[in-house]
């Protein structure tokens, strides 16, 4: 199955995480940014329906960037 997070959103999330340098507040702000963009684009119902997959994708991206 394809990723639910669009490439441009994932790339910006990676950039924000890299800039966070591991600080929890900045990582949380990056996660909120992804949530805001995706809810604005696809609706909150879509997020609720796919939240488990979306959060796992975000965790994978965080692991790639922050190690």
Protein backbone atom coordinates (compact mmCIF):
# COMPACT_ATOMS: atom_id res chain seq x y z
CA UNK A 1 0.00 0.00 0.00
CA UNK A 2 1.21 3.50 -0.81
CA UNK A 3 2.11 6.02 1.84
CA UNK A 4 -0.76 8.16 3.06
CA UNK A 5 1.47 11.16 3.75
CA UNK A 6 2.12 13.00 0.46
CA UNK A 7 5.77 13.34 -0.56
CA UNK A 8 5.86 17.13 -0.26
CA UNK A 9 4.41 16.97 3.27
CA UNK A 10 6.85 14.20 4.26
CA UNK A 11 9.79 16.21 2.89
CA UNK A 12 8.78 19.30 4.87
CA UNK A 13 8.28 17.12 7.98
CA UNK A 14 11.83 15.78 7.52
CA UNK A 15 13.16 19.34 7.20
CA UNK A 16 11.33 20.48 10.35
CA UNK A 17 12.59 17.46 12.28
CA UNK A 18 16.17 18.09 11.16
CA UNK A 19 15.87 21.69 12.34
CA UNK A 20 14.46 20.50 15.69
CA UNK A 21 17.80 18.90 16.60
CA UNK A 22 15.86 16.50 18.83
CA UNK A 23 14.13 19.06 21.05
CA UNK A 24 10.75 17.64 22.13
CA UNK A 25 8.81 20.89 21.71
CA UNK A 26 10.08 21.40 18.17
CA UNK A 27 9.39 17.76 17.26
CA UNK A 28 5.85 18.16 18.60
CA UNK A 29 5.42 21.33 16.54
CA UNK A 30 6.52 19.41 13.43
CA UNK A 31 3.96 16.68 14.16
CA UNK A 32 1.24 19.30 14.68
CA UNK A 33 2.19 20.88 11.36
CA UNK A 34 1.64 17.54 9.57
CA UNK A 35 -1.69 17.07 11.36
CA UNK A 36 -2.85 20.59 10.43
CA UNK A 37 -1.88 20.23 6.77
CA UNK A 38 -3.46 16.80 6.35
CA UNK A 39 -6.68 17.67 8.20
CA UNK A 40 -6.97 20.83 6.12
CA UNK A 41 -6.45 18.85 2.94
CA UNK A 42 -8.41 15.67 3.70
CA UNK A 43 -10.68 16.42 6.77
CA UNK A 44 -10.56 15.27 10.38
CA UNK A 45 -12.69 12.20 9.61
CA UNK A 46 -10.05 11.02 7.15
CA UNK A 47 -7.33 11.54 9.79
CA UNK A 48 -9.35 9.60 12.39
CA UNK A 49 -9.92 6.74 9.96
CA UNK A 50 -6.23 6.51 8.99
CA UNK A 51 -4.53 7.77 12.16
CA UNK A 52 -2.80 4.51 13.05
CA UNK A 53 -1.12 4.24 9.63
CA UNK A 54 -0.32 7.97 9.53
CA UNK A 55 1.28 7.94 12.98
CA UNK A 56 3.35 4.88 12.09
CA UNK A 57 4.55 6.64 8.91
CA UNK A 58 5.47 9.70 10.97
CA UNK A 59 7.38 7.50 13.44
CA UNK A 60 9.35 5.92 10.58
CA UNK A 61 10.26 9.36 9.22
CA UNK A 62 11.33 10.50 12.70
CA UNK A 63 13.54 7.42 12.99
CA UNK A 64 15.16 8.16 9.63
CA UNK A 65 15.89 11.78 10.50
CA UNK A 66 16.72 11.63 14.20
CA UNK A 67 18.18 8.15 14.33
